[in-house]
Amino acid sequence: MQENFEADLVFASGEGNYLPSADVWIVIDVLRATTVMTRWFELGGTELYPVRTPDDARKLVAELKERGSSPLLMGEVNGIPPEGFDMGNSPLELTYEIIREHYCGVMSTTNGTSALLEAESSGSPVMAACFRNYSACLDHAVTIGKRIGILCSGRKHRPSWEDTLCAGAVIEDLLRHGETLMSDSARMALTLWQNRDNDTEAFVRKSTHAQYLSQIGYSDDISFACETDSSTVVPMLAENEERTVLRAVSGSARPYHRENVRIEPETVKKSDPFEELLAYTRKKV
């Protein structure tokens, strides 16, 4: 029997946005928050706490340490790690060794973590998707409901090329599950995806944010983020918890063998010194 679905898309997160009604929300921030979230669980992380600001993140880390945890503090402002953070927002900075030392993480990014919290306020289930895991996320989403909402993080409350492109991939995949009633915004994203000439990375590299990340030394992150359907991990906000926390949906985390990792831990590109990047972003952002 043919299934009937609905797909709606919000191009960018922001306090002023109206989120339409949906049975489940898929949040996308390809460069790079939801890619990092997926990577966290690929490597065996168990909990990831998304927060809005670096100050919120520092405060939560202090609270978790008082309870005996050893959380990893990670994230970015304008693409670079805030002062005092353990690491930035690069999926290639995460390693097995780091995950073994920190079973939980606290994360604050310019757009992605706020988008997750915005979607959470809808009261519907929320998951994090990127090119690496979008099919796995959608497969789980359609078990929850027929009305699929997609929230693109965007960039500074405006649409972003790469998030809209990934949303189009999700919508095309939804069409394979059954007949789908699409909003105009969903149809626009689908059109973008279907006109990418089958070269996702080249298309993503046209985006303003991809060009900026390349300039500040994170070109390899873009290639990694554009690997399509390489992961079965489905990061999802847990329900009925004291704090907002992401966990991998049970059974979704495929064993991630070292030979599948594109760049080994010892060859991961180190980020530029904080002062250098900060000076650059002040001029360019």
C-alpha atoms as a PDB file:
ATOM      1  CA  MET A   1       0.000   0.000   0.000  1.00  0.00           C
ATOM      2  CA  GLN A   2       1.329   3.418  -1.018  1.00  0.00           C
ATOM      3  CA  GLU A   3       2.273   5.680   1.877  1.00  0.00           C
ATOM      4  CA  ASN A   4       1.381   9.373   1.879  1.00  0.00           C
ATOM      5  CA  PHE A   5       3.800  11.877   3.408  1.00  0.00           C
ATOM      6  CA  GLU A   6       4.162  15.619   3.806  1.00  0.00           C
ATOM      7  CA  ALA A   7       7.456  17.503   3.615  1.00  0.00           C
ATOM      8  CA  ASP A   8       7.983  21.042   4.857  1.00  0.00           C
ATOM      9  CA  LEU A   9      11.211  22.985   4.987  1.00  0.00           C
ATOM     10  CA  VAL A  10      12.417  26.008   6.946  1.00  0.00           C
ATOM     11  CA  PHE A  11      15.462  27.521   5.237  1.00  0.00           C
ATOM     12  CA  ALA A  12      17.207  28.953   8.320  1.00  0.00           C
ATOM     13  CA  SER A  13      16.950  28.873  12.083  1.00  0.00           C
ATOM     14  CA  GLY A  14      16.283  32.039  14.047  1.00  0.00           C
ATOM     15  CA  GLU A  15      14.262  33.328  16.944  1.00  0.00           C
ATOM     16  CA  GLY A  16      11.743  34.925  14.606  1.00  0.00           C
ATOM     17  CA  ASN A  17      11.065  31.806  12.568  1.00  0.00           C
ATOM     18  CA  TYR A  18       7.709  30.107  12.672  1.00  0.00           C
ATOM     19  CA  LEU A  19       8.037  26.343  12.749  1.00  0.00           C
ATOM     20  CA  PRO A  20       5.098  24.644  11.042  1.00  0.00           C
ATOM     21  CA  SER A  21       3.521  21.599  12.622  1.00  0.00           C
ATOM     22  CA  ALA A  22       5.427  18.350  12.020  1.00  0.00           C
ATOM     23  CA  ASP A  23       5.511  14.855  13.472  1.00  0.00           C
ATOM     24  CA  VAL A  24       9.314  14.885  13.513  1.00  0.00           C
ATOM     25  CA  TRP A  25      12.050  17.420  12.790  1.00  0.00           C
ATOM     26  CA  ILE A  26      15.277  16.773  10.912  1.00  0.00           C
ATOM     27  CA  VAL A  27      17.874  19.486  11.630  1.00  0.00           C
ATOM     28  CA  ILE A  28      20.689  20.031   9.123  1.00  0.00           C
ATOM     29  CA  ASP A  29      23.991  21.895   9.512  1.00  0.00           C
ATOM     30  CA  VAL A  30      26.337  20.288   7.002  1.00  0.00           C
ATOM     31  CA  LEU A  31      29.259  22.680   7.666  1.00  0.00           C
ATOM     32  CA  ARG A  32      29.742  21.512  10.281  1.00  0.00           C
ATOM     33  CA  ALA A  33      27.682  20.925  13.414  1.00  0.00           C
ATOM     34  CA  THR A  34      25.492  17.970  12.439  1.00  0.00           C
ATOM     35  CA  THR A  35      28.447  16.359  10.665  1.00  0.00           C
ATOM     36  CA  VAL A  36      30.427  16.582  13.912  1.00  0.00           C
ATOM     37  CA  MET A  37      27.459  15.213  15.885  1.00  0.00           C
ATOM     38  CA  THR A  38      27.249  12.227  13.559  1.00  0.00           C
ATOM     39  CA  ARG A  39      31.002  11.691  13.783  1.00  0.00           C
ATOM     40  CA  TRP A  40      30.853  11.804  17.583  1.00  0.00           C
ATOM     41  CA  PHE A  41      28.548   8.790  17.684  1.00  0.00           C
ATOM     42  CA  GLU A  42      30.344   7.001  14.828  1.00  0.00           C
ATOM     43  CA  LEU A  43      33.427   6.915  17.011  1.00  0.00           C
ATOM     44  CA  GLY A  44      31.571   5.631  20.063  1.00  0.00           C
ATOM     45  CA  GLY A  45      30.517   8.771  21.952  1.00  0.00           C
ATOM     46  CA  THR A  46      27.478   8.233  24.160  1.00  0.00           C
ATOM     47  CA  GLU A  47      26.097  11.684  25.034  1.00  0.00           C
ATOM     48  CA  LEU A  48      26.384  15.116  23.448  1.00  0.00           C
ATOM     49  CA  TYR A  49      24.867  18.223  25.047  1.00  0.00           C
ATOM     50  CA  PRO A  50      24.017  21.020  22.561  1.00  0.00           C
ATOM     51  CA  VAL A  51      23.896  24.542  24.027  1.00  0.00           C
ATOM     52  CA  ARG A  52      23.452  27.993  22.514  1.00  0.00           C
ATOM     53  CA  THR A  53      26.525  29.966  23.568  1.00  0.00           C
ATOM     54  CA  PRO A  54      30.146  29.378  24.611  1.00  0.00           C
ATOM     55  CA  ASP A  55      29.350  30.730  28.083  1.00  0.00           C
ATOM     56  CA  ASP A  56      26.476  28.245  28.414  1.00  0.00           C
ATOM     57  CA  ALA A  57      28.877  25.496  27.352  1.00  0.00           C
ATOM     58  CA  ARG A  58      31.538  26.459  29.898  1.00  0.00           C
ATOM     59  CA  LYS A  59      28.945  26.590  32.662  1.00  0.00           C
ATOM     60  CA  LEU A  60      27.547  23.159  31.788  1.00  0.00           C
ATOM     61  CA  VAL A  61      31.021  21.611  31.624  1.00  0.00           C
ATOM     62  CA  ALA A  62      31.739  22.918  35.120  1.00  0.00           C
ATOM     63  CA  GLU A  63      28.477  21.414  36.410  1.00  0.00           C
ATOM     64  CA  LEU A  64      29.160  18.052  34.783  1.00  0.00           C
ATOM     65  CA  LYS A  65      32.677  17.970  36.211  1.00  0.00           C
ATOM     66  CA  GLU A  66      31.254  18.577  39.690  1.00  0.00           C
ATOM     67  CA  ARG A  67      29.180  15.433  39.172  1.00  0.00           C
ATOM     68  CA  GLY A  68      32.282  13.415  38.313  1.00  0.00           C
ATOM     69  CA  SER A  69      32.057  13.503  34.497  1.00  0.00           C
ATOM     70  CA  SER A  70      34.886  14.388  32.134  1.00  0.00           C
ATOM     71  CA  PRO A  71      33.109  16.150  29.248  1.00  0.00           C
ATOM     72  CA  LEU A  72      34.814  17.362  26.091  1.00  0.00           C
ATOM     73  CA  LEU A  73      34.175  21.071  25.451  1.00  0.00           C
ATOM     74  CA  MET A  74      33.895  21.720  21.729  1.00  0.00           C
ATOM     75  CA  GLY A  75      32.436  24.163  19.250  1.00  0.00           C
ATOM     76  CA  GLU A  76      33.082  27.337  17.335  1.00  0.00           C
ATOM     77  CA  VAL A  77      32.283  30.998  16.848  1.00  0.00           C
ATOM     78  CA  ASN A  78      32.666  32.137  13.247  1.00  0.00           C
ATOM     79  CA  GLY A  79      34.310  28.818  12.414  1.00  0.00           C
ATOM     80  CA  ILE A  80      37.053  28.815  15.049  1.00  0.00           C
ATOM     81  CA  PRO A  81      37.197  27.381  18.593  1.00  0.00           C
ATOM     82  CA  PRO A  82      36.415  29.844  21.399  1.00  0.00           C
ATOM     83  CA  GLU A  83      39.236  30.476  23.817  1.00  0.00           C
ATOM     84  CA  GLY A  84      39.570  27.714  26.397  1.00  0.00           C
ATOM     85  CA  PHE A  85      37.659  25.071  24.394  1.00  0.00           C
ATOM     86  CA  ASP A  86      39.185  21.594  24.080  1.00  0.00           C
ATOM     87  CA  MET A  87      38.576  21.519  20.341  1.00  0.00           C
ATOM     88  CA  GLY A  88      36.727  23.309  17.584  1.00  0.00           C
ATOM     89  CA  ASN A  89      33.992  22.131  15.245  1.00  0.00           C
ATOM     90  CA  SER A  90      36.023  19.926  12.922  1.00  0.00           C
ATOM     91  CA  PRO A  91      34.864  16.320  12.480  1.00  0.00           C
ATOM     92  CA  LEU A  92      38.435  15.358  11.631  1.00  0.00           C
ATOM     93  CA  GLU A  93      39.714  16.530  15.012  1.00  0.00           C
ATOM     94  CA  LEU A  94      37.689  13.805  16.721  1.00  0.00           C
ATOM     95  CA  THR A  95      39.533  10.519  17.234  1.00  0.00           C
ATOM     96  CA  TYR A  96      38.970   7.194  18.957  1.00  0.00           C
ATOM     97  CA  GLU A  97      41.482   8.249  21.606  1.00  0.00           C
ATOM     98  CA  ILE A  98      39.557  11.422  22.428  1.00  0.00           C
ATOM     99  CA  ILE A  99      36.236   9.579  22.657  1.00  0.00           C
ATOM    100  CA  ARG A 100      37.745   6.963  24.972  1.00  0.00           C
ATOM    101  CA  GLU A 101      38.751   9.748  27.370  1.00  0.00           C
ATOM    102  CA  HIS A 102      35.429  11.637  27.193  1.00  0.00           C
ATOM    103  CA  TYR A 103      32.209   9.618  27.136  1.00  0.00           C
ATOM    104  CA  CYS A 104      30.179  12.825  26.895  1.00  0.00           C
ATOM    105  CA  GLY A 105      30.630  16.158  25.156  1.00  0.00           C
ATOM    106  CA  VAL A 106      29.275  19.691  25.378  1.00  0.00           C
ATOM    107  CA  MET A 107      28.910  21.580  22.116  1.00  0.00           C
ATOM    108  CA  SER A 108      28.154  25.182  21.160  1.00  0.00           C
ATOM    109  CA  THR A 109      28.192  26.426  17.560  1.00  0.00           C
ATOM    110  CA  THR A 110      27.157  29.582  15.765  1.00  0.00           C
ATOM    111  CA  ASN A 111      24.096  28.043  14.108  1.00  0.00           C
ATOM    112  CA  GLY A 112      23.674  24.280  14.493  1.00  0.00           C
ATOM    113  CA  THR A 113      23.162  23.831  18.218  1.00  0.00           C
ATOM    114  CA  SER A 114      20.685  26.731  18.338  1.00  0.00           C
ATOM    115  CA  ALA A 115      18.756  25.143  15.465  1.00  0.00           C
ATOM    116  CA  LEU A 116      18.449  21.883  17.415  1.00  0.00           C
ATOM    117  CA  LEU A 117      17.122  23.726  20.455  1.00  0.00           C
ATOM    118  CA  GLU A 118      14.702  25.675  18.280  1.00  0.00           C
ATOM    119  CA  ALA A 119      13.337  22.450  16.819  1.00  0.00           C
ATOM    120  CA  GLU A 120      13.090  20.961  20.311  1.00  0.00           C
ATOM    121  CA  SER A 121      10.756  23.806  21.316  1.00  0.00           C
ATOM    122  CA  SER A 122       8.191  22.432  18.813  1.00  0.00           C
ATOM    123  CA  GLY A 123       7.563  19.473  21.118  1.00  0.00           C
ATOM    124  CA  SER A 124       8.170  16.945  18.316  1.00  0.00           C
ATOM    125  CA  PRO A 125      11.057  14.459  18.143  1.00  0.00           C
ATOM    126  CA  VAL A 126      14.264  15.952  16.722  1.00  0.00           C
ATOM    127  CA  MET A 127      17.223  14.338  14.961  1.00  0.00           C
ATOM    128  CA  ALA A 128      20.452  15.675  13.451  1.00  0.00           C
ATOM    129  CA  ALA A 129      21.221  14.945   9.808  1.00  0.00           C
ATOM    130  CA  CYS A 130      23.995  15.656   7.324  1.00  0.00           C
ATOM    131  CA  PHE A 131      25.093  14.167   4.010  1.00  0.00           C
ATOM    132  CA  ARG A 132      26.791  11.283   5.817  1.00  0.00           C
ATOM    133  CA  ASN A 133      23.645   9.962   7.513  1.00  0.00           C
ATOM    134  CA  TYR A 134      20.596  11.563   5.883  1.00  0.00           C
ATOM    135  CA  SER A 135      19.117   8.294   4.579  1.00  0.00           C
ATOM    136  CA  ALA A 136      19.432   6.627   7.979  1.00  0.00           C
ATOM    137  CA  CYS A 137      17.764   9.635   9.619  1.00  0.00           C
ATOM    138  CA  LEU A 138      14.917   9.625   7.150  1.00  0.00           C
ATOM    139  CA  ASP A 139      14.394   5.871   7.524  1.00  0.00           C
ATOM    140  CA  HIS A 140      13.912   6.461  11.245  1.00  0.00           C
ATOM    141  CA  ALA A 141      11.825   9.610  10.792  1.00  0.00           C
ATOM    142  CA  VAL A 142       9.165   7.829   8.715  1.00  0.00           C
ATOM    143  CA  THR A 143       8.669   5.317  11.522  1.00  0.00           C
ATOM    144  CA  ILE A 144       7.652   8.227  13.764  1.00  0.00           C
ATOM    145  CA  GLY A 145       5.172  10.058  11.543  1.00  0.00           C
ATOM    146  CA  LYS A 146       4.059  11.157   8.094  1.00  0.00           C
ATOM    147  CA  ARG A 147       4.680  14.902   8.415  1.00  0.00           C
ATOM    148  CA  ILE A 148       8.411  15.440   8.033  1.00  0.00           C
ATOM    149  CA  GLY A 149       9.776  18.852   8.992  1.00  0.00           C
ATOM    150  CA  ILE A 150      13.277  19.874   7.913  1.00  0.00           C
ATOM    151  CA  LEU A 151      15.028  22.776   9.636  1.00  0.00           C
ATOM    152  CA  CYS A 152      18.163  24.032   7.931  1.00  0.00           C
ATOM    153  CA  SER A 153      20.466  25.802  10.340  1.00  0.00           C
ATOM    154  CA  GLY A 154      21.483  28.286   7.680  1.00  0.00           C
ATOM    155  CA  ARG A 155      24.031  30.937   8.452  1.00  0.00           C
ATOM    156  CA  LYS A 156      23.250  33.854  10.766  1.00  0.00           C
ATOM    157  CA  HIS A 157      19.486  33.421  10.273  1.00  0.00           C
ATOM    158  CA  ARG A 158      19.741  33.343   6.482  1.00  0.00           C
ATOM    159  CA  PRO A 159      19.547  30.356   4.089  1.00  0.00           C
ATOM    160  CA  SER A 160      22.735  28.488   3.271  1.00  0.00           C
ATOM    161  CA  TRP A 161      23.508  26.733   0.023  1.00  0.00           C
ATOM    162  CA  GLU A 162      24.870  23.518   1.550  1.00  0.00           C
ATOM    163  CA  ASP A 163      22.071  22.969   4.088  1.00  0.00           C
ATOM    164  CA  THR A 164      19.403  23.547   1.446  1.00  0.00           C
ATOM    165  CA  LEU A 165      21.193  21.101  -0.841  1.00  0.00           C
ATOM    166  CA  CYS A 166      21.204  18.415   1.862  1.00  0.00           C
ATOM    167  CA  ALA A 167      17.527  19.075   2.563  1.00  0.00           C
ATOM    168  CA  GLY A 168      16.870  18.364  -1.101  1.00  0.00           C
ATOM    169  CA  ALA A 169      18.613  15.005  -0.734  1.00  0.00           C
ATOM    170  CA  VAL A 170      16.350  14.160   2.220  1.00  0.00           C
ATOM    171  CA  ILE A 171      13.245  15.097   0.239  1.00  0.00           C
ATOM    172  CA  GLU A 172      14.280  13.044  -2.792  1.00  0.00           C
ATOM    173  CA  ASP A 173      14.778  10.085  -0.473  1.00  0.00           C
ATOM    174  CA  LEU A 174      11.334  10.665   1.043  1.00  0.00           C
ATOM    175  CA  LEU A 175       9.789  10.393  -2.426  1.00  0.00           C
ATOM    176  CA  ARG A 176      11.079   6.831  -2.559  1.00  0.00           C
ATOM    177  CA  HIS A 177       9.098   6.021   0.582  1.00  0.00           C
ATOM    178  CA  GLY A 178       5.797   7.122  -0.927  1.00  0.00           C
ATOM    179  CA  GLU A 179       3.761   9.894  -2.443  1.00  0.00           C
ATOM    180  CA  THR A 180       4.751  13.186  -0.836  1.00  0.00           C
ATOM    181  CA  LEU A 181       2.972  16.516  -0.611  1.00  0.00           C
ATOM    182  CA  MET A 182       5.731  19.149  -0.660  1.00  0.00           C
ATOM    183  CA  SER A 183       5.717  22.759   0.451  1.00  0.00           C
ATOM    184  CA  ASP A 184       7.167  25.297  -1.979  1.00  0.00           C
ATOM    185  CA  SER A 185      10.344  25.518   0.099  1.00  0.00           C
ATOM    186  CA  ALA A 186      10.731  21.726   0.018  1.00  0.00           C
ATOM    187  CA  ARG A 187      10.266  21.726  -3.746  1.00  0.00           C
ATOM    188  CA  MET A 188      12.930  24.433  -4.126  1.00  0.00           C
ATOM    189  CA  ALA A 189      15.443  22.364  -2.135  1.00  0.00           C
ATOM    190  CA  LEU A 190      14.647  19.281  -4.202  1.00  0.00           C
ATOM    191  CA  THR A 191      15.230  21.231  -7.412  1.00  0.00           C
ATOM    192  CA  LEU A 192      18.623  22.405  -6.151  1.00  0.00           C
ATOM    193  CA  TRP A 193      19.639  18.845  -5.260  1.00  0.00           C
ATOM    194  CA  GLN A 194      18.508  17.424  -8.600  1.00  0.00           C
ATOM    195  CA  ASN A 195      20.594  20.014 -10.478  1.00  0.00           C
ATOM    196  CA  ARG A 196      23.909  19.370  -8.728  1.00  0.00           C
ATOM    197  CA  ASP A 197      25.345  17.366 -11.699  1.00  0.00           C
ATOM    198  CA  ASN A 198      25.992  14.387  -9.388  1.00  0.00           C
ATOM    199  CA  ASP A 199      29.001  16.118  -7.846  1.00  0.00           C
ATOM    200  CA  THR A 200      27.910  16.991  -4.327  1.00  0.00           C
ATOM    201  CA  GLU A 201      31.279  18.213  -3.106  1.00  0.00           C
ATOM    202  CA  ALA A 202      31.876  20.531  -6.052  1.00  0.00           C
ATOM    203  CA  PHE A 203      28.397  21.954  -5.561  1.00  0.00           C
ATOM    204  CA  VAL A 204      28.915  22.463  -1.819  1.00  0.00           C
ATOM    205  CA  ARG A 205      32.244  24.194  -2.425  1.00  0.00           C
ATOM    206  CA  LYS A 206      30.368  26.960  -4.250  1.00  0.00           C
ATOM    207  CA  SER A 207      28.828  28.052  -0.956  1.00  0.00           C
ATOM    208  CA  THR A 208      30.010  31.130   0.890  1.00  0.00           C
ATOM    209  CA  HIS A 209      30.663  29.199   4.079  1.00  0.00           C
ATOM    210  CA  ALA A 210      32.644  26.461   2.319  1.00  0.00           C
ATOM    211  CA  GLN A 211      34.874  29.105   0.748  1.00  0.00           C
ATOM    212  CA  TYR A 212      35.358  30.737   4.152  1.00  0.00           C
ATOM    213  CA  LEU A 213      36.239  27.423   5.829  1.00  0.00           C
ATOM    214  CA  SER A 214      38.762  26.698   3.076  1.00  0.00           C
ATOM    215  CA  GLN A 215      40.400  30.078   3.665  1.00  0.00           C
ATOM    216  CA  ILE A 216      40.859  29.439   7.383  1.00  0.00           C
ATOM    217  CA  GLY A 217      42.324  25.951   6.905  1.00  0.00           C
ATOM    218  CA  TYR A 218      39.385  23.532   7.017  1.00  0.00           C
ATOM    219  CA  SER A 219      39.114  22.413   3.391  1.00  0.00           C
ATOM    220  CA  ASP A 220      39.416  18.726   4.368  1.00  0.00           C
ATOM    221  CA  ASP A 221      36.332  19.092   6.568  1.00  0.00           C
ATOM    222  CA  ILE A 222      34.296  19.959   3.485  1.00  0.00           C
ATOM    223  CA  SER A 223      35.341  16.783   1.681  1.00  0.00           C
ATOM    224  CA  PHE A 224      34.528  14.697   4.749  1.00  0.00           C
ATOM    225  CA  ALA A 225      31.130  16.390   5.207  1.00  0.00           C
ATOM    226  CA  CYS A 226      30.205  15.647   1.580  1.00  0.00           C
ATOM    227  CA  GLU A 227      30.613  11.876   1.889  1.00  0.00           C
ATOM    228  CA  THR A 228      27.096  10.666   1.165  1.00  0.00           C
ATOM    229  CA  ASP A 229      25.327   7.871   3.043  1.00  0.00           C
ATOM    230  CA  SER A 230      28.534   6.692   4.707  1.00  0.00           C
ATOM    231  CA  SER A 231      27.001   6.341   8.183  1.00  0.00           C
ATOM    232  CA  THR A 232      24.032   4.634   9.812  1.00  0.00           C
ATOM    233  CA  VAL A 233      24.214   6.810  12.944  1.00  0.00           C
ATOM    234  CA  VAL A 234      21.017   8.681  13.887  1.00  0.00           C
ATOM    235  CA  PRO A 235      21.685  11.329  16.582  1.00  0.00           C
ATOM    236  CA  MET A 236      18.407  12.198  18.284  1.00  0.00           C
ATOM    237  CA  LEU A 237      17.397  14.429  21.165  1.00  0.00           C
ATOM    238  CA  ALA A 238      16.489  12.239  24.126  1.00  0.00           C
ATOM    239  CA  GLU A 239      13.065  12.732  25.698  1.00  0.00           C
ATOM    240  CA  ASN A 240      12.213  13.331  29.355  1.00  0.00           C
ATOM    241  CA  GLU A 241      15.760  14.251  30.341  1.00  0.00           C
ATOM    242  CA  GLU A 242      16.860  16.869  32.848  1.00  0.00           C
ATOM    243  CA  ARG A 243      18.942  18.537  30.125  1.00  0.00           C
ATOM    244  CA  THR A 244      18.767  18.575  26.353  1.00  0.00           C
ATOM    245  CA  VAL A 245      21.042  15.775  25.180  1.00  0.00           C
ATOM    246  CA  LEU A 246      21.718  13.919  21.948  1.00  0.00           C
ATOM    247  CA  ARG A 247      22.094  10.157  21.897  1.00  0.00           C
ATOM    248  CA  ALA A 248      22.370   7.725  18.997  1.00  0.00           C
ATOM    249  CA  VAL A 249      19.149   5.860  18.249  1.00  0.00           C
ATOM    250  CA  SER A 250      19.545   2.317  19.544  1.00  0.00           C
ATOM    251  CA  GLY A 251      21.025   0.033  16.904  1.00  0.00           C
ATOM    252  CA  SER A 252      21.904   2.865  14.525  1.00  0.00           C
ATOM    253  CA  ALA A 253      25.622   3.177  15.272  1.00  0.00           C
ATOM    254  CA  ARG A 254      27.352   0.920  12.776  1.00  0.00           C
ATOM    255  CA  PRO A 255      30.769  -0.294  13.974  1.00  0.00           C
ATOM    256  CA  TYR A 256      33.250   2.209  12.578  1.00  0.00           C
ATOM    257  CA  HIS A 257      36.510   0.476  11.746  1.00  0.00           C
ATOM    258  CA  ARG A 258      39.773   2.358  11.593  1.00  0.00           C
ATOM    259  CA  GLU A 259      40.299   1.461   7.930  1.00  0.00           C
ATOM    260  CA  ASN A 260      37.115   3.387   7.109  1.00  0.00           C
ATOM    261  CA  VAL A 261      38.470   6.630   8.527  1.00  0.00           C
ATOM    262  CA  ARG A 262      39.657   8.970   5.781  1.00  0.00           C
ATOM    263  CA  ILE A 263      42.404  10.616   7.831  1.00  0.00           C
ATOM    264  CA  GLU A 264      44.172   8.785  10.639  1.00  0.00           C
ATOM    265  CA  PRO A 265      44.445  10.554  14.029  1.00  0.00           C
ATOM    266  CA  GLU A 266      48.170  11.136  13.684  1.00  0.00           C
ATOM    267  CA  THR A 267      47.708  12.926  10.343  1.00  0.00           C
ATOM    268  CA  VAL A 268      44.705  15.056  11.248  1.00  0.00           C
ATOM    269  CA  LYS A 269      45.289  18.638  10.175  1.00  0.00           C
ATOM    270  CA  LYS A 270      45.926  20.848  13.172  1.00  0.00           C
ATOM    271  CA  SER A 271      43.982  24.075  13.431  1.00  0.00           C
ATOM    272  CA  ASP A 272      45.820  27.343  13.030  1.00  0.00           C
ATOM    273  CA  PRO A 273      46.753  29.229  16.188  1.00  0.00           C
ATOM    274  CA  PHE A 274      43.781  30.876  17.897  1.00  0.00           C
ATOM    275  CA  GLU A 275      45.131  34.410  17.611  1.00  0.00           C
ATOM    276  CA  GLU A 276      45.778  34.108  13.884  1.00  0.00           C
ATOM    277  CA  LEU A 277      42.293  32.815  13.113  1.00  0.00           C
ATOM    278  CA  LEU A 278      40.633  35.324  15.380  1.00  0.00           C
ATOM    279  CA  ALA A 279      42.372  38.172  13.584  1.00  0.00           C
ATOM    280  CA  TYR A 280      41.282  36.718  10.240  1.00  0.00           C
ATOM    281  CA  THR A 281      37.637  36.352  11.226  1.00  0.00           C
ATOM    282  CA  ARG A 282      37.482  39.897  12.519  1.00  0.00           C
ATOM    283  CA  LYS A 283      38.485  41.082   9.083  1.00  0.00           C
ATOM    284  CA  LYS A 284      36.413  38.674   6.988  1.00  0.00           C
ATOM    285  CA  VAL A 285      33.210  37.729   8.871  1.00  0.00           C
END
